[in-house]
Amino acid sequence: MQSVSEVDILAIGVHPDDIELACSGSLLHHIDLGHRIGLLDLTRGELGTRGNAELRTQEAMTAAQQMSAIFRHQLELKDGFFNNEESSLLEIIKIIRAAKPKIVFANAIKDRHPDHGRAAQLIHNACFYSGLIKIETYWNDKLQAAWRPKACYHYIQDYQLKPDLVIDISKQIEKKMQLIQCFASQFYNPNSNEPESPISSKQFLNVVKANAQVMGRLIQVEYGEGFTVDRPIGINDMLTLK
């Protein structure tokens, strides 16, 4: 699934399970609408308390297949130690230009894990720089054309930030929870001998579902996922808003 092709939405996460935990319901919703979805992990999550890079990659690819994503590509930025610098930006720009997404989903702008906010800014910058024609990148030995997504929307993760928009995922919530559990190494397992982490508690998956209920309540639906955006949202018809 590493082969990159054109998609409508490119979801980017710094760790392999970020996308599934925070925005997979929205991705499933758009797949149901007929849109093409691609996934990009910036790191392999090698610093995670549980599991290892190889296992987390296997879990990520299984989740992508179950989601019916067009591709899942993994960069190998250094978990915990990547920076908002030229080399990291260029790696992301190459994927954006190859996938030509209309919109990008990115990590939360602020969160408990410092990687999330740092990745949010890195991805946001890459979306902008990807549109500059004087930045040259190559894909399969061919010079890439500049491409800038229409918008970069930041999903909400551990901190319950105030959303700028909420997507109704009521029909997708059970499939979302199934996708999350593809990452079995990270979550509650009474037989595990690995150290405990903030996401390995017995209650954590219930919290994920409860947070989706809180987001859904904001727009009077059962379950939702929230996003923030740093610019006004343009619409064509006020009557289509919930």
Protein backbone atom coordinates (compact mmCIF):
# COMPACT_ATOMS: atom_id res chain seq x y z
CA MET A 1 0.00 0.00 0.00
CA GLN A 2 3.02 2.29 -0.11
CA SER A 3 2.41 3.23 -3.77
CA VAL A 4 1.07 6.81 -3.89
CA SER A 5 -1.67 7.83 -6.33
CA GLU A 6 -4.12 10.73 -6.65
CA VAL A 7 -6.76 11.10 -3.94
CA ASP A 8 -9.39 13.60 -2.81
CA ILE A 9 -8.33 13.65 0.86
CA LEU A 10 -4.87 12.98 2.26
CA ALA A 11 -4.90 12.25 6.00
CA ILE A 12 -1.54 12.72 7.67
CA GLY A 13 -0.53 11.59 11.16
CA VAL A 14 2.80 11.73 12.89
CA HIS A 15 2.22 8.30 14.52
CA PRO A 16 0.66 5.26 12.81
CA ASP A 17 -2.56 5.26 14.89
CA ASP A 18 -3.22 9.03 15.01
CA ILE A 19 -5.46 8.98 11.95
CA GLU A 20 -7.61 6.07 13.12
CA LEU A 21 -8.09 7.52 16.62
CA ALA A 22 -8.91 11.07 15.55
CA CYS A 23 -10.40 11.22 12.05
CA SER A 24 -11.10 7.74 10.66
CA GLY A 25 -14.86 8.26 11.05
CA SER A 26 -14.66 11.30 8.78
CA LEU A 27 -12.56 9.38 6.27
CA LEU A 28 -15.05 6.51 6.25
CA HIS A 29 -17.87 9.03 5.77
CA HIS A 30 -16.15 10.48 2.71
CA ILE A 31 -15.35 7.03 1.34
CA ASP A 32 -19.08 6.29 1.61
CA LEU A 33 -19.66 9.45 -0.45
CA GLY A 34 -17.41 8.07 -3.18
CA HIS A 35 -14.21 10.01 -2.44
CA ARG A 36 -10.70 8.60 -2.66
CA ILE A 37 -8.65 8.61 0.54
CA GLY A 38 -4.89 8.35 1.06
CA LEU A 39 -2.98 8.00 4.34
CA LEU A 40 0.50 9.20 5.32
CA ASP A 41 2.38 8.40 8.54
CA LEU A 42 5.33 10.71 9.18
CA THR A 43 7.07 8.26 11.53
CA ARG A 44 6.76 4.58 12.34
CA GLY A 45 5.99 5.28 15.99
CA GLU A 46 9.20 3.69 17.16
CA LEU A 47 9.20 5.53 20.52
CA GLY A 48 5.78 4.20 21.52
CA THR A 49 5.64 2.64 24.99
CA ARG A 50 4.24 -0.58 23.54
CA GLY A 51 5.02 -2.55 20.42
CA ASN A 52 7.74 -1.64 17.92
CA ALA A 53 8.05 -0.02 14.51
CA GLU A 54 7.65 -3.26 12.56
CA LEU A 55 4.53 -4.35 14.44
CA ARG A 56 2.94 -0.91 14.26
CA THR A 57 3.55 -0.81 10.51
CA GLN A 58 1.79 -4.15 10.10
CA GLU A 59 -1.14 -2.89 12.16
CA ALA A 60 -1.27 0.35 10.15
CA MET A 61 -1.41 -1.46 6.82
CA THR A 62 -4.17 -3.77 8.10
CA ALA A 63 -6.20 -0.75 9.20
CA ALA A 64 -5.69 0.97 5.84
CA GLN A 65 -6.92 -2.11 3.96
CA GLN A 66 -10.00 -2.40 6.18
CA MET A 67 -10.70 1.31 5.66
CA SER A 68 -10.45 0.86 1.86
CA ALA A 69 -7.84 3.61 1.61
CA ILE A 70 -6.19 3.95 -1.81
CA PHE A 71 -2.74 3.92 -0.22
CA ARG A 72 -0.89 4.22 3.06
CA HIS A 73 2.64 5.57 2.79
CA GLN A 74 5.10 5.81 5.65
CA LEU A 75 7.97 8.24 5.83
CA GLU A 76 10.75 7.58 8.31
CA LEU A 77 11.04 10.89 10.11
CA LYS A 78 12.51 10.40 13.56
CA ASP A 79 9.76 9.81 16.12
CA GLY A 80 10.06 12.43 18.87
CA PHE A 81 12.95 14.26 17.22
CA PHE A 82 11.75 15.42 13.79
CA ASN A 83 11.90 19.16 13.14
CA ASN A 84 10.15 21.72 10.98
CA GLU A 85 13.10 21.91 8.60
CA GLU A 86 13.82 21.61 4.90
CA SER A 87 14.47 17.87 4.73
CA SER A 88 11.25 16.98 6.55
CA LEU A 89 9.21 19.49 4.55
CA LEU A 90 10.49 18.16 1.24
CA GLU A 91 9.55 14.58 2.12
CA ILE A 92 5.96 15.63 2.82
CA ILE A 93 5.81 17.93 -0.20
CA LYS A 94 6.73 15.01 -2.47
CA ILE A 95 3.73 13.02 -1.20
CA ILE A 96 1.34 15.98 -1.48
CA ARG A 97 2.44 16.62 -5.06
CA ALA A 98 2.17 12.93 -5.97
CA ALA A 99 -1.27 12.50 -4.36
CA LYS A 100 -2.71 15.90 -5.39
CA PRO A 101 -5.30 15.97 -2.58
CA LYS A 102 -8.02 18.59 -2.59
CA ILE A 103 -7.83 18.76 1.21
CA VAL A 104 -5.46 17.53 3.90
CA PHE A 105 -6.26 16.29 7.42
CA ALA A 106 -3.42 16.95 9.89
CA ASN A 107 -2.54 16.50 13.55
CA ALA A 108 -4.04 18.66 16.29
CA ILE A 109 -2.57 22.14 16.60
CA LYS A 110 -2.05 21.60 20.35
CA ASP A 111 -2.08 18.39 22.34
CA ARG A 112 -0.71 16.40 25.26
CA HIS A 113 1.90 14.71 23.04
CA PRO A 114 4.38 17.36 21.84
CA ASP A 115 4.81 15.55 18.50
CA HIS A 116 1.20 16.33 17.57
CA GLY A 117 1.39 20.11 17.68
CA ARG A 118 4.83 20.11 16.06
CA ALA A 119 3.58 17.87 13.25
CA ALA A 120 0.52 20.10 12.78
CA GLN A 121 2.74 23.07 11.96
CA LEU A 122 5.07 20.98 9.80
CA ILE A 123 2.16 19.61 7.72
CA HIS A 124 0.53 23.03 7.45
CA ASN A 125 3.78 24.53 6.16
CA ALA A 126 4.29 21.65 3.71
CA CYS A 127 0.82 22.26 2.24
CA PHE A 128 1.78 25.86 1.55
CA TYR A 129 5.28 25.23 0.23
CA SER A 130 4.01 22.44 -2.01
CA GLY A 131 2.37 25.16 -4.10
CA LEU A 132 5.57 27.11 -4.74
CA ILE A 133 6.85 26.42 -8.25
CA LYS A 134 10.46 27.28 -7.38
CA ILE A 135 10.70 24.43 -4.88
CA GLU A 136 11.81 21.47 -6.98
CA THR A 137 11.02 17.88 -5.99
CA TYR A 138 11.28 14.63 -7.90
CA TRP A 139 9.07 11.53 -7.81
CA ASN A 140 10.07 8.40 -9.71
CA ASP A 141 12.90 10.46 -11.24
CA LYS A 142 10.45 12.99 -12.70
CA LEU A 143 10.20 16.66 -11.78
CA GLN A 144 6.94 17.22 -9.90
CA ALA A 145 4.48 20.00 -10.64
CA ALA A 146 3.56 22.34 -7.80
CA TRP A 147 0.30 21.50 -6.00
CA ARG A 148 -1.41 23.24 -3.10
CA PRO A 149 -4.43 21.65 -1.35
CA LYS A 150 -7.49 23.86 -0.98
CA ALA A 151 -7.39 23.56 2.80
CA CYS A 152 -5.64 21.88 5.72
CA TYR A 153 -7.99 20.80 8.51
CA HIS A 154 -6.56 19.80 11.89
CA TYR A 155 -8.31 16.95 13.67
CA ILE A 156 -8.76 17.00 17.44
CA GLN A 157 -6.86 14.47 19.54
CA ASP A 158 -6.39 14.13 23.32
CA TYR A 159 -7.12 17.75 24.28
CA GLN A 160 -10.75 18.60 23.62
CA LEU A 161 -10.16 21.76 21.62
CA LYS A 162 -13.09 23.86 20.44
CA PRO A 163 -13.88 22.70 16.88
CA ASP A 164 -14.45 24.99 13.93
CA LEU A 165 -16.47 22.26 12.23
CA VAL A 166 -17.86 18.86 13.17
CA ILE A 167 -18.53 15.95 10.81
CA ASP A 168 -21.39 13.55 11.54
CA ILE A 169 -19.89 10.05 11.88
CA SER A 170 -22.90 8.35 13.47
CA LYS A 171 -23.08 5.75 10.68
CA GLN A 172 -19.33 5.12 10.82
CA ILE A 173 -18.66 4.95 14.57
CA GLU A 174 -18.61 1.15 14.88
CA LYS A 175 -16.29 0.76 11.89
CA LYS A 176 -14.07 3.47 13.36
CA MET A 177 -13.76 1.50 16.60
CA GLN A 178 -12.87 -1.62 14.60
CA LEU A 179 -10.12 0.28 12.78
CA ILE A 180 -8.69 1.55 16.05
CA GLN A 181 -8.52 -1.99 17.40
CA CYS A 182 -6.32 -2.99 14.47
CA PHE A 183 -3.58 -1.42 16.62
CA ALA A 184 -3.89 -4.12 19.25
CA SER A 185 -0.33 -3.61 20.49
CA GLN A 186 -1.23 -0.14 21.79
CA PHE A 187 -4.42 -0.77 23.72
CA TYR A 188 -5.74 -2.70 26.69
CA ASN A 189 -4.64 -6.32 26.90
CA PRO A 190 -4.88 -8.01 30.33
CA ASN A 191 -2.28 -10.56 29.22
CA SER A 192 0.32 -8.00 28.13
CA ASN A 193 3.60 -7.76 30.01
CA GLU A 194 4.51 -4.41 28.44
CA PRO A 195 4.45 -1.15 30.42
CA GLU A 196 1.20 0.75 30.86
CA SER A 197 0.64 3.89 28.82
CA PRO A 198 -2.04 6.61 28.76
CA ILE A 199 -3.85 4.76 25.94
CA SER A 200 -3.51 1.20 27.23
CA SER A 201 -5.97 1.54 30.12
CA LYS A 202 -9.15 -0.51 30.16
CA GLN A 203 -11.24 2.68 29.86
CA PHE A 204 -9.45 4.37 26.95
CA LEU A 205 -11.53 3.08 24.03
CA ASN A 206 -14.70 4.00 25.92
CA VAL A 207 -13.27 7.51 26.27
CA VAL A 208 -12.68 7.69 22.50
CA LYS A 209 -16.31 6.82 21.86
CA ALA A 210 -17.54 9.19 24.56
CA ASN A 211 -15.54 12.06 23.05
CA ALA A 212 -17.20 11.36 19.70
CA GLN A 213 -20.57 11.62 21.47
CA VAL A 214 -19.58 15.01 22.90
CA MET A 215 -18.62 16.24 19.43
CA GLY A 216 -21.81 14.87 17.94
CA ARG A 217 -23.94 16.62 20.53
CA LEU A 218 -22.58 19.98 19.32
CA ILE A 219 -24.40 19.47 16.01
CA GLN A 220 -27.30 17.39 17.37
CA VAL A 221 -26.17 14.03 16.04
CA GLU A 222 -25.12 10.89 17.90
CA TYR A 223 -21.39 10.89 17.07
CA GLY A 224 -19.05 13.42 15.49
CA GLU A 225 -15.42 14.31 14.84
CA GLY A 226 -14.19 17.87 15.23
CA PHE A 227 -11.63 19.83 13.24
CA THR A 228 -9.99 23.23 13.50
CA VAL A 229 -8.87 25.43 10.61
CA ASP A 230 -6.83 28.64 10.58
CA ARG A 231 -8.93 30.50 8.01
CA PRO A 232 -12.65 31.19 7.46
CA ILE A 233 -14.63 28.32 5.94
CA GLY A 234 -16.34 29.22 2.66
CA ILE A 235 -19.79 27.82 1.86
CA ASN A 236 -22.25 28.10 -1.03
CA ASP A 237 -25.56 27.59 0.78
CA MET A 238 -26.24 28.54 4.40
CA LEU A 239 -29.25 26.21 4.45
CA THR A 240 -27.02 23.15 4.11
CA LEU A 241 -25.41 23.79 7.50
CA LYS A 242 -26.57 21.68 10.46
